Amino acid sequence: MFVAAFIAASEIGLWVLLGLGLALRYVFRRRRASTVTLALIPVLDALLVGAVALDLHRGAEAGTTHGIAGLYLGFSLAFGPAIVRWADVRFAHRFAGGPAPVKLPKHGPERLAALWREWFRVVLAAAIASVVMLGLVVLVADDSQDPALISWIRPPWTLVGLWLVFGPVWELLTPRQRTPTESERSSSW
């Protein structure tokens, strides 16, 4: 229960720090305070790993919450900077007269490149989650906790495979309707 509450607090903390950091930057024009606030987001992740390690060290039965904590950490670190950039562009547009966010095309090479970048983030997230789980096994867990922690290494890699198939590979294999040229459109009248 302790770890589950810490995961929830980390998720809430992420959005609070993100909102506060962007408000400091664009509403209150406190760029340095904003940078410091946004830099605290990874500290939440470090605290989460510490909480998981402490819980396991105290003899808690390794389970779903410990595995989810590893996944959360991996995805938070891999996707965190992209989430901050995404929110920053939208916040700047809404509150500071920044340019409108650029929409990704529905198809084409630019979309495919974005899907590959996203997939590589998923690979990074899976790698981080796996290293965290192995680190907990080697450094903290006892023999009774090891199997449960090790079992959480496979799910993120399954997600990597699914993301590959339904992301960039899907985009590559989906047939696109050819857009008629200007002369073809005018001759159809």
N, C-alpha and C. Protein backbone atom coordinates (compact mmCIF):
# COMPACT_ATOMS: atom_id res chain seq x y z
N MET A 1 0.82 -1.19 0.00
CA MET A 1 0.00 0.00 0.00
C MET A 1 0.87 1.26 0.00
N PHE A 2 1.97 1.20 0.70
CA PHE A 2 2.90 2.32 0.79
C PHE A 2 3.42 2.71 -0.60
N VAL A 3 3.80 1.72 -1.39
CA VAL A 3 4.35 1.99 -2.72
C VAL A 3 3.25 2.51 -3.65
N ALA A 4 2.05 1.95 -3.55
CA ALA A 4 0.94 2.42 -4.40
C ALA A 4 0.64 3.89 -4.11
N ALA A 5 0.64 4.26 -2.85
CA ALA A 5 0.40 5.66 -2.49
C ALA A 5 1.53 6.54 -3.02
N PHE A 6 2.74 6.03 -2.99
CA PHE A 6 3.88 6.81 -3.48
C PHE A 6 3.81 6.99 -5.00
N ILE A 7 3.35 5.96 -5.71
CA ILE A 7 3.18 6.08 -7.16
C ILE A 7 2.14 7.16 -7.47
N ALA A 8 1.01 7.11 -6.75
CA ALA A 8 -0.04 8.11 -6.97
C ALA A 8 0.48 9.51 -6.65
N ALA A 9 1.22 9.63 -5.55
CA ALA A 9 1.77 10.94 -5.18
C ALA A 9 2.78 11.41 -6.23
N SER A 10 3.55 10.50 -6.79
CA SER A 10 4.52 10.87 -7.83
C SER A 10 3.82 11.38 -9.07
N GLU A 11 2.74 10.71 -9.46
CA GLU A 11 1.99 11.14 -10.65
C GLU A 11 1.35 12.50 -10.41
N ILE A 12 0.74 12.69 -9.27
CA ILE A 12 0.15 13.99 -8.94
C ILE A 12 1.24 15.05 -8.87
N GLY A 13 2.35 14.71 -8.22
CA GLY A 13 3.47 15.64 -8.10
C GLY A 13 4.03 16.05 -9.45
N LEU A 14 4.09 15.10 -10.40
CA LEU A 14 4.58 15.42 -11.74
C LEU A 14 3.75 16.54 -12.35
N TRP A 15 2.43 16.41 -12.31
CA TRP A 15 1.55 17.39 -12.94
C TRP A 15 1.53 18.70 -12.17
N VAL A 16 1.64 18.63 -10.85
CA VAL A 16 1.70 19.86 -10.06
C VAL A 16 2.98 20.63 -10.38
N LEU A 17 4.12 19.92 -10.38
CA LEU A 17 5.39 20.58 -10.69
C LEU A 17 5.41 21.12 -12.12
N LEU A 18 4.85 20.35 -13.05
CA LEU A 18 4.80 20.81 -14.44
C LEU A 18 3.95 22.07 -14.55
N GLY A 19 2.76 22.05 -13.99
CA GLY A 19 1.89 23.23 -14.04
C GLY A 19 2.51 24.44 -13.34
N LEU A 20 3.09 24.20 -12.17
CA LEU A 20 3.72 25.29 -11.43
C LEU A 20 4.92 25.84 -12.19
N GLY A 21 5.74 24.94 -12.74
CA GLY A 21 6.91 25.38 -13.49
C GLY A 21 6.54 26.22 -14.69
N LEU A 22 5.51 25.81 -15.42
CA LEU A 22 5.09 26.58 -16.60
C LEU A 22 4.42 27.88 -16.21
N ALA A 23 3.65 27.86 -15.12
CA ALA A 23 3.04 29.11 -14.64
C ALA A 23 4.12 30.10 -14.20
N LEU A 24 5.14 29.61 -13.51
CA LEU A 24 6.24 30.49 -13.11
C LEU A 24 6.91 31.10 -14.34
N ARG A 25 7.06 30.32 -15.38
CA ARG A 25 7.76 30.79 -16.58
C ARG A 25 6.93 31.79 -17.37
N TYR A 26 5.67 31.47 -17.62
CA TYR A 26 4.89 32.28 -18.56
C TYR A 26 3.94 33.27 -17.91
N VAL A 27 3.43 32.96 -16.75
CA VAL A 27 2.49 33.87 -16.10
C VAL A 27 3.24 34.87 -15.21
N PHE A 28 4.19 34.35 -14.42
CA PHE A 28 4.90 35.20 -13.46
C PHE A 28 6.28 35.67 -13.96
N ARG A 29 6.68 35.20 -15.14
CA ARG A 29 7.95 35.60 -15.77
C ARG A 29 9.16 35.33 -14.86
N ARG A 30 9.14 34.21 -14.18
CA ARG A 30 10.23 33.82 -13.28
C ARG A 30 10.92 32.59 -13.89
N ARG A 31 11.74 32.85 -14.91
CA ARG A 31 12.35 31.77 -15.69
C ARG A 31 13.24 30.87 -14.83
N ARG A 32 14.08 31.45 -13.98
CA ARG A 32 14.99 30.64 -13.16
C ARG A 32 14.20 29.76 -12.19
N ALA A 33 13.19 30.33 -11.54
CA ALA A 33 12.36 29.54 -10.62
C ALA A 33 11.63 28.43 -11.39
N SER A 34 11.22 28.73 -12.60
CA SER A 34 10.57 27.73 -13.44
C SER A 34 11.51 26.57 -13.75
N THR A 35 12.74 26.90 -14.12
CA THR A 35 13.72 25.87 -14.45
C THR A 35 13.99 24.98 -13.25
N VAL A 36 14.14 25.58 -12.09
CA VAL A 36 14.39 24.80 -10.87
C VAL A 36 13.18 23.90 -10.57
N THR A 37 11.99 24.44 -10.70
CA THR A 37 10.78 23.66 -10.43
C THR A 37 10.67 22.47 -11.39
N LEU A 38 10.89 22.71 -12.68
CA LEU A 38 10.82 21.62 -13.66
C LEU A 38 11.93 20.59 -13.44
N ALA A 39 13.08 21.04 -12.93
CA ALA A 39 14.19 20.12 -12.65
C ALA A 39 13.87 19.21 -11.47
N LEU A 40 12.89 19.55 -10.68
CA LEU A 40 12.50 18.71 -9.54
C LEU A 40 11.70 17.48 -9.97
N ILE A 41 11.19 17.48 -11.18
CA ILE A 41 10.37 16.35 -11.63
C ILE A 41 11.14 15.03 -11.55
N PRO A 42 12.39 14.93 -12.04
CA PRO A 42 13.11 13.66 -11.89
C PRO A 42 13.41 13.29 -10.44
N VAL A 43 13.42 14.28 -9.55
CA VAL A 43 13.63 13.98 -8.14
C VAL A 43 12.50 13.10 -7.62
N LEU A 44 11.29 13.34 -8.10
CA LEU A 44 10.16 12.48 -7.72
C LEU A 44 10.43 11.03 -8.11
N ASP A 45 11.02 10.84 -9.29
CA ASP A 45 11.33 9.49 -9.74
C ASP A 45 12.36 8.83 -8.84
N ALA A 46 13.37 9.59 -8.46
CA ALA A 46 14.40 9.05 -7.55
C ALA A 46 13.79 8.69 -6.20
N LEU A 47 12.89 9.52 -5.71
CA LEU A 47 12.23 9.23 -4.44
C LEU A 47 11.37 7.97 -4.54
N LEU A 48 10.75 7.78 -5.69
CA LEU A 48 9.94 6.58 -5.91
C LEU A 48 10.80 5.32 -5.84
N VAL A 49 11.95 5.34 -6.50
CA VAL A 49 12.85 4.18 -6.44
C VAL A 49 13.30 3.95 -5.00
N GLY A 50 13.60 5.03 -4.29
CA GLY A 50 13.98 4.89 -2.88
C GLY A 50 12.87 4.28 -2.05
N ALA A 51 11.63 4.69 -2.31
CA ALA A 51 10.50 4.14 -1.57
C ALA A 51 10.33 2.65 -1.85
N VAL A 52 10.48 2.26 -3.11
CA VAL A 52 10.37 0.84 -3.47
C VAL A 52 11.48 0.05 -2.80
N ALA A 53 12.70 0.55 -2.86
CA ALA A 53 13.83 -0.14 -2.24
C ALA A 53 13.61 -0.29 -0.73
N LEU A 54 13.15 0.77 -0.10
CA LEU A 54 12.90 0.74 1.34
C LEU A 54 11.82 -0.27 1.68
N ASP A 55 10.76 -0.28 0.90
CA ASP A 55 9.66 -1.22 1.13
C ASP A 55 10.14 -2.66 1.01
N LEU A 56 10.93 -2.94 -0.03
CA LEU A 56 11.47 -4.29 -0.21
C LEU A 56 12.45 -4.64 0.91
N HIS A 57 13.27 -3.69 1.27
CA HIS A 57 14.26 -3.92 2.33
C HIS A 57 13.57 -4.24 3.66
N ARG A 58 12.43 -3.65 3.90
CA ARG A 58 11.67 -3.91 5.14
C ARG A 58 10.97 -5.26 5.10
N GLY A 59 11.08 -5.96 3.96
CA GLY A 59 10.53 -7.31 3.88
C GLY A 59 9.16 -7.42 3.24
N ALA A 60 8.70 -6.36 2.57
CA ALA A 60 7.39 -6.42 1.90
C ALA A 60 7.43 -7.49 0.82
N GLU A 61 6.29 -8.12 0.61
CA GLU A 61 6.19 -9.10 -0.46
C GLU A 61 6.23 -8.36 -1.79
N ALA A 62 7.17 -8.70 -2.65
CA ALA A 62 7.29 -8.05 -3.96
C ALA A 62 6.05 -8.39 -4.77
N GLY A 63 5.46 -7.37 -5.36
CA GLY A 63 4.23 -7.61 -6.10
C GLY A 63 4.00 -6.61 -7.20
N THR A 64 2.76 -6.48 -7.56
CA THR A 64 2.34 -5.64 -8.68
C THR A 64 2.77 -4.19 -8.49
N THR A 65 2.60 -3.64 -7.29
CA THR A 65 2.93 -2.23 -7.11
C THR A 65 4.42 -1.97 -7.31
N HIS A 66 5.26 -2.93 -6.93
CA HIS A 66 6.70 -2.76 -7.12
C HIS A 66 7.04 -2.79 -8.62
N GLY A 67 6.38 -3.70 -9.34
CA GLY A 67 6.58 -3.77 -10.79
C GLY A 67 6.08 -2.53 -11.50
N ILE A 68 4.90 -2.06 -11.08
CA ILE A 68 4.34 -0.85 -11.69
C ILE A 68 5.25 0.35 -11.39
N ALA A 69 5.83 0.38 -10.21
CA ALA A 69 6.74 1.48 -9.87
C ALA A 69 7.93 1.49 -10.83
N GLY A 70 8.47 0.32 -11.16
CA GLY A 70 9.58 0.25 -12.12
C GLY A 70 9.16 0.73 -13.50
N LEU A 71 7.96 0.30 -13.93
CA LEU A 71 7.45 0.75 -15.23
C LEU A 71 7.20 2.25 -15.22
N TYR A 72 6.60 2.74 -14.15
CA TYR A 72 6.33 4.17 -14.04
C TYR A 72 7.63 4.97 -14.15
N LEU A 73 8.62 4.52 -13.44
CA LEU A 73 9.91 5.20 -13.47
C LEU A 73 10.49 5.22 -14.88
N GLY A 74 10.48 4.07 -15.55
CA GLY A 74 11.01 4.00 -16.91
C GLY A 74 10.28 4.93 -17.86
N PHE A 75 8.96 4.90 -17.81
CA PHE A 75 8.19 5.74 -18.72
C PHE A 75 8.28 7.22 -18.35
N SER A 76 8.36 7.50 -17.06
CA SER A 76 8.49 8.89 -16.63
C SER A 76 9.81 9.49 -17.11
N LEU A 77 10.89 8.74 -16.97
CA LEU A 77 12.18 9.26 -17.41
C LEU A 77 12.29 9.34 -18.92
N ALA A 78 11.74 8.34 -19.62
CA ALA A 78 11.85 8.32 -21.09
C ALA A 78 10.93 9.35 -21.75
N PHE A 79 9.72 9.50 -21.22
CA PHE A 79 8.74 10.39 -21.84
C PHE A 79 8.65 11.75 -21.16
N GLY A 80 9.23 11.90 -19.98
CA GLY A 80 9.14 13.14 -19.23
C GLY A 80 9.56 14.37 -20.01
N PRO A 81 10.76 14.37 -20.60
CA PRO A 81 11.17 15.56 -21.37
C PRO A 81 10.22 15.88 -22.53
N ALA A 82 9.71 14.86 -23.20
CA ALA A 82 8.77 15.10 -24.30
C ALA A 82 7.45 15.68 -23.78
N ILE A 83 7.01 15.21 -22.62
CA ILE A 83 5.78 15.74 -22.03
C ILE A 83 5.97 17.20 -21.64
N VAL A 84 7.13 17.51 -21.08
CA VAL A 84 7.42 18.90 -20.70
C VAL A 84 7.43 19.79 -21.94
N ARG A 85 8.09 19.32 -23.02
CA ARG A 85 8.11 20.11 -24.27
C ARG A 85 6.71 20.30 -24.83
N TRP A 86 5.93 19.22 -24.82
CA TRP A 86 4.56 19.28 -25.33
C TRP A 86 3.75 20.32 -24.55
N ALA A 87 3.82 20.24 -23.23
CA ALA A 87 3.06 21.18 -22.38
C ALA A 87 3.61 22.60 -22.53
N ASP A 88 4.92 22.73 -22.65
CA ASP A 88 5.54 24.05 -22.75
C ASP A 88 5.04 24.80 -23.99
N VAL A 89 4.99 24.11 -25.12
CA VAL A 89 4.54 24.75 -26.36
C VAL A 89 3.09 25.22 -26.22
N ARG A 90 2.26 24.39 -25.65
CA ARG A 90 0.85 24.74 -25.50
C ARG A 90 0.64 25.86 -24.48
N PHE A 91 1.38 25.81 -23.38
CA PHE A 91 1.28 26.84 -22.36
C PHE A 91 1.78 28.17 -22.91
N ALA A 92 2.90 28.13 -23.63
CA ALA A 92 3.45 29.36 -24.22
C ALA A 92 2.46 29.97 -25.22
N HIS A 93 1.82 29.13 -26.00
CA HIS A 93 0.85 29.62 -26.98
C HIS A 93 -0.35 30.26 -26.28
N ARG A 94 -0.84 29.61 -25.25
CA ARG A 94 -2.04 30.09 -24.58
C ARG A 94 -1.80 31.31 -23.70
N PHE A 95 -0.65 31.35 -23.01
CA PHE A 95 -0.45 32.39 -22.01
C PHE A 95 0.64 33.40 -22.34
N ALA A 96 1.45 33.14 -23.36
CA ALA A 96 2.55 34.05 -23.63
C ALA A 96 2.66 34.47 -25.09
N GLY A 97 1.61 34.22 -25.86
CA GLY A 97 1.63 34.65 -27.25
C GLY A 97 2.59 33.86 -28.12
N GLY A 98 2.95 32.68 -27.68
CA GLY A 98 3.85 31.84 -28.47
C GLY A 98 3.14 31.29 -29.70
N PRO A 99 3.91 30.71 -30.61
CA PRO A 99 3.30 30.16 -31.82
C PRO A 99 2.39 28.97 -31.49
N ALA A 100 1.43 28.75 -32.35
CA ALA A 100 0.53 27.61 -32.17
C ALA A 100 1.32 26.31 -32.30
N PRO A 101 0.93 25.29 -31.57
CA PRO A 101 1.61 24.00 -31.71
C PRO A 101 1.47 23.48 -33.14
N VAL A 102 2.52 22.90 -33.64
CA VAL A 102 2.50 22.34 -34.98
C VAL A 102 1.88 20.95 -34.92
N LYS A 103 0.86 20.76 -35.74
CA LYS A 103 0.21 19.45 -35.77
C LYS A 103 1.00 18.50 -36.66
N LEU A 104 1.11 17.30 -36.20
CA LEU A 104 1.79 16.26 -36.95
C LEU A 104 0.90 15.82 -38.10
N PRO A 105 1.45 15.68 -39.30
CA PRO A 105 0.61 15.23 -40.41
C PRO A 105 0.06 13.83 -40.14
N LYS A 106 -1.07 13.52 -40.76
CA LYS A 106 -1.69 12.21 -40.54
C LYS A 106 -0.90 11.09 -41.19
N HIS A 107 -0.14 11.41 -42.21
CA HIS A 107 0.64 10.40 -42.92
C HIS A 107 1.89 11.06 -43.49
N GLY A 108 2.81 10.23 -43.92
CA GLY A 108 3.99 10.75 -44.59
C GLY A 108 5.26 10.58 -43.78
N PRO A 109 6.37 11.02 -44.37
CA PRO A 109 7.68 10.80 -43.75
C PRO A 109 7.85 11.50 -42.40
N GLU A 110 7.24 12.67 -42.25
CA GLU A 110 7.37 13.39 -40.97
C GLU A 110 6.66 12.62 -39.85
N ARG A 111 5.49 12.08 -40.17
CA ARG A 111 4.77 11.28 -39.17
C ARG A 111 5.54 10.00 -38.86
N LEU A 112 6.07 9.36 -39.88
CA LEU A 112 6.83 8.13 -39.66
C LEU A 112 8.04 8.40 -38.78
N ALA A 113 8.73 9.49 -39.02
CA ALA A 113 9.89 9.84 -38.18
C ALA A 113 9.46 10.08 -36.74
N ALA A 114 8.32 10.73 -36.53
CA ALA A 114 7.82 10.97 -35.18
C ALA A 114 7.45 9.64 -34.50
N LEU A 115 6.86 8.72 -35.25
CA LEU A 115 6.52 7.42 -34.69
C LEU A 115 7.76 6.63 -34.30
N TRP A 116 8.81 6.73 -35.11
CA TRP A 116 10.08 6.06 -34.75
C TRP A 116 10.68 6.68 -33.49
N ARG A 117 10.66 8.01 -33.38
CA ARG A 117 11.18 8.67 -32.17
C ARG A 117 10.40 8.21 -30.93
N GLU A 118 9.10 8.15 -31.08
CA GLU A 118 8.26 7.71 -29.98
C GLU A 118 8.58 6.26 -29.60
N TRP A 119 8.76 5.41 -30.59
CA TRP A 119 9.08 4.01 -30.32
C TRP A 119 10.43 3.89 -29.60
N PHE A 120 11.41 4.69 -30.01
CA PHE A 120 12.70 4.65 -29.32
C PHE A 120 12.56 5.10 -27.86
N ARG A 121 11.63 6.00 -27.59
CA ARG A 121 11.36 6.37 -26.19
C ARG A 121 10.80 5.18 -25.42
N VAL A 122 9.94 4.40 -26.06
CA VAL A 122 9.39 3.21 -25.42
C VAL A 122 10.51 2.20 -25.14
N VAL A 123 11.43 2.04 -26.09
CA VAL A 123 12.58 1.16 -25.87
C VAL A 123 13.39 1.65 -24.67
N LEU A 124 13.64 2.95 -24.61
CA LEU A 124 14.37 3.52 -23.48
C LEU A 124 13.62 3.28 -22.17
N ALA A 125 12.31 3.47 -22.18
CA ALA A 125 11.50 3.24 -20.98
C ALA A 125 11.61 1.79 -20.53
N ALA A 126 11.53 0.86 -21.47
CA ALA A 126 11.64 -0.57 -21.13
C ALA A 126 13.02 -0.89 -20.57
N ALA A 127 14.05 -0.29 -21.16
CA ALA A 127 15.41 -0.53 -20.67
C ALA A 127 15.58 0.01 -19.25
N ILE A 128 15.07 1.20 -18.99
CA ILE A 128 15.17 1.79 -17.65
C ILE A 128 14.41 0.92 -16.65
N ALA A 129 13.19 0.53 -16.99
CA ALA A 129 12.39 -0.31 -16.09
C ALA A 129 13.10 -1.63 -15.81
N SER A 130 13.71 -2.22 -16.83
CA SER A 130 14.43 -3.48 -16.65
C SER A 130 15.64 -3.31 -15.75
N VAL A 131 16.38 -2.24 -15.96
CA VAL A 131 17.56 -1.98 -15.12
C VAL A 131 17.14 -1.74 -13.68
N VAL A 132 16.05 -1.02 -13.48
CA VAL A 132 15.56 -0.78 -12.12
C VAL A 132 15.19 -2.10 -11.46
N MET A 133 14.46 -2.94 -12.17
CA MET A 133 14.07 -4.23 -11.60
C MET A 133 15.30 -5.09 -11.28
N LEU A 134 16.24 -5.15 -12.21
CA LEU A 134 17.46 -5.93 -11.96
C LEU A 134 18.27 -5.32 -10.82
N GLY A 135 18.32 -4.00 -10.76
CA GLY A 135 19.02 -3.33 -9.67
C GLY A 135 18.41 -3.66 -8.33
N LEU A 136 17.09 -3.67 -8.27
CA LEU A 136 16.42 -4.04 -7.02
C LEU A 136 16.70 -5.48 -6.65
N VAL A 137 16.74 -6.38 -7.65
CA VAL A 137 17.03 -7.79 -7.39
C VAL A 137 18.45 -7.94 -6.83
N VAL A 138 19.40 -7.28 -7.45
CA VAL A 138 20.81 -7.43 -7.06
C VAL A 138 21.11 -6.71 -5.75
N LEU A 139 20.56 -5.52 -5.56
CA LEU A 139 20.98 -4.69 -4.44
C LEU A 139 20.08 -4.75 -3.21
N VAL A 140 18.79 -5.08 -3.39
CA VAL A 140 17.87 -4.92 -2.27
C VAL A 140 17.10 -6.19 -1.93
N ALA A 141 16.53 -6.82 -2.94
CA ALA A 141 15.58 -7.91 -2.72
C ALA A 141 16.27 -9.14 -2.15
N ASP A 142 15.46 -9.93 -1.43
CA ASP A 142 15.96 -11.22 -0.98
C ASP A 142 15.48 -12.29 -1.96
N ASP A 143 15.87 -13.52 -1.71
CA ASP A 143 15.57 -14.60 -2.66
C ASP A 143 14.07 -14.80 -2.87
N SER A 144 13.26 -14.52 -1.87
CA SER A 144 11.81 -14.71 -2.02
C SER A 144 11.18 -13.60 -2.87
N GLN A 145 11.84 -12.45 -2.94
CA GLN A 145 11.29 -11.32 -3.70
C GLN A 145 11.75 -11.32 -5.16
N ASP A 146 12.85 -11.99 -5.43
CA ASP A 146 13.45 -11.95 -6.77
C ASP A 146 12.51 -12.36 -7.91
N PRO A 147 11.83 -13.53 -7.82
CA PRO A 147 10.99 -13.94 -8.96
C PRO A 147 9.92 -12.92 -9.34
N ALA A 148 9.28 -12.32 -8.35
CA ALA A 148 8.23 -11.34 -8.65
C ALA A 148 8.80 -10.12 -9.35
N LEU A 149 9.98 -9.68 -8.93
CA LEU A 149 10.60 -8.51 -9.57
C LEU A 149 11.07 -8.85 -10.98
N ILE A 150 11.67 -10.00 -11.13
CA ILE A 150 12.16 -10.42 -12.45
C ILE A 150 11.01 -10.59 -13.44
N SER A 151 9.85 -11.02 -12.93
CA SER A 151 8.70 -11.22 -13.83
C SER A 151 8.22 -9.90 -14.44
N TRP A 152 8.61 -8.77 -13.86
CA TRP A 152 8.20 -7.47 -14.39
C TRP A 152 9.14 -6.96 -15.48
N ILE A 153 10.11 -7.74 -15.87
CA ILE A 153 11.00 -7.32 -16.96
C ILE A 153 10.35 -7.58 -18.31
N ARG A 154 9.56 -8.62 -18.43
CA ARG A 154 8.95 -8.97 -19.71
C ARG A 154 7.86 -8.00 -20.18
N PRO A 155 6.94 -7.54 -19.33
CA PRO A 155 5.85 -6.68 -19.84
C PRO A 155 6.28 -5.44 -20.62
N PRO A 156 7.29 -4.69 -20.16
CA PRO A 156 7.64 -3.51 -20.99
C PRO A 156 8.20 -3.89 -22.35
N TRP A 157 8.88 -5.04 -22.44
CA TRP A 157 9.42 -5.46 -23.73
C TRP A 157 8.32 -5.98 -24.65
N THR A 158 7.27 -6.53 -24.07
CA THR A 158 6.09 -6.89 -24.86
C THR A 158 5.47 -5.63 -25.44
N LEU A 159 5.39 -4.60 -24.61
CA LEU A 159 4.86 -3.31 -25.07
C LEU A 159 5.73 -2.72 -26.19
N VAL A 160 7.04 -2.89 -26.08
CA VAL A 160 7.94 -2.41 -27.14
C VAL A 160 7.58 -3.06 -28.47
N GLY A 161 7.36 -4.39 -28.45
CA GLY A 161 7.00 -5.09 -29.67
C GLY A 161 5.66 -4.64 -30.23
N LEU A 162 4.68 -4.51 -29.35
CA LEU A 162 3.36 -4.05 -29.80
C LEU A 162 3.41 -2.63 -30.35
N TRP A 163 4.17 -1.77 -29.68
CA TRP A 163 4.29 -0.37 -30.12
C TRP A 163 4.97 -0.30 -31.50
N LEU A 164 5.93 -1.17 -31.70
CA LEU A 164 6.60 -1.22 -33.01
C LEU A 164 5.61 -1.61 -34.10
N VAL A 165 4.83 -2.66 -33.84
CA VAL A 165 3.89 -3.15 -34.85
C VAL A 165 2.79 -2.14 -35.13
N PHE A 166 2.21 -1.58 -34.06
CA PHE A 166 1.06 -0.68 -34.24
C PHE A 166 1.46 0.78 -34.36
N GLY A 167 2.73 1.06 -34.38
CA GLY A 167 3.25 2.41 -34.58
C GLY A 167 3.91 2.53 -35.94
N PRO A 168 5.25 2.50 -35.96
CA PRO A 168 5.96 2.73 -37.23
C PRO A 168 5.70 1.67 -38.30
N VAL A 169 5.62 0.40 -37.91
CA VAL A 169 5.39 -0.64 -38.93
C VAL A 169 4.00 -0.48 -39.54
N TRP A 170 3.03 -0.20 -38.71
CA TRP A 170 1.66 0.03 -39.20
C TRP A 170 1.65 1.18 -40.20
N GLU A 171 2.34 2.25 -39.86
CA GLU A 171 2.41 3.41 -40.76
C GLU A 171 3.07 3.04 -42.09
N LEU A 172 4.12 2.22 -42.02
CA LEU A 172 4.81 1.81 -43.24
C LEU A 172 3.93 0.93 -44.14
N LEU A 173 3.12 0.08 -43.53
CA LEU A 173 2.36 -0.90 -44.30
C LEU A 173 0.95 -0.46 -44.67
N THR A 174 0.48 0.63 -44.10
CA THR A 174 -0.87 1.10 -44.40
C THR A 174 -0.87 1.80 -45.75
N PRO A 175 -1.68 1.28 -46.68
CA PRO A 175 -1.73 1.94 -48.00
C PRO A 175 -2.38 3.31 -47.90
N ARG A 176 -1.85 4.23 -48.64
CA ARG A 176 -2.37 5.60 -48.64
C ARG A 176 -2.97 5.88 -50.01
N GLN A 177 -4.05 6.63 -50.00
CA GLN A 177 -4.63 7.04 -51.26
C GLN A 177 -3.72 8.10 -51.87
N ARG A 178 -3.49 7.96 -53.16
CA ARG A 178 -2.67 8.93 -53.86
C ARG A 178 -3.48 10.21 -54.02
N THR A 179 -2.85 11.33 -53.72
CA THR A 179 -3.49 12.64 -53.88
C THR A 179 -3.42 13.05 -55.34
N PRO A 180 -4.56 13.36 -55.95
CA PRO A 180 -4.52 13.75 -57.36
C PRO A 180 -3.78 15.08 -57.54
N THR A 181 -3.10 15.18 -58.66
CA THR A 181 -2.39 16.42 -58.96
C THR A 181 -3.39 17.48 -59.37
N GLU A 182 -2.93 18.72 -59.42
CA GLU A 182 -3.80 19.85 -59.80
C GLU A 182 -4.39 19.64 -61.19
N SER A 183 -3.58 19.16 -62.12
CA SER A 183 -4.08 18.97 -63.49
C SER A 183 -5.11 17.84 -63.54
N GLU A 184 -4.93 16.80 -62.74
CA GLU A 184 -5.91 15.72 -62.71
C GLU A 184 -7.22 16.20 -62.10
N ARG A 185 -7.15 17.08 -61.10
CA ARG A 185 -8.37 17.59 -60.49
C ARG A 185 -9.12 18.50 -61.45
N SER A 186 -8.39 19.34 -62.19
CA SER A 186 -9.05 20.27 -63.10
C SER A 186 -9.62 19.55 -64.32
N SER A 187 -9.01 18.45 -64.73
CA SER A 187 -9.52 17.73 -65.91
C SER A 187 -10.75 16.90 -65.58
N SER A 188 -11.01 16.66 -64.31
CA SER A 188 -12.19 15.86 -63.95
C SER A 188 -13.47 16.67 -64.01
N TRP A 189 -13.37 17.97 -64.17
CA TRP A 189 -14.55 18.81 -64.26
C TRP A 189 -15.05 18.72 -65.63
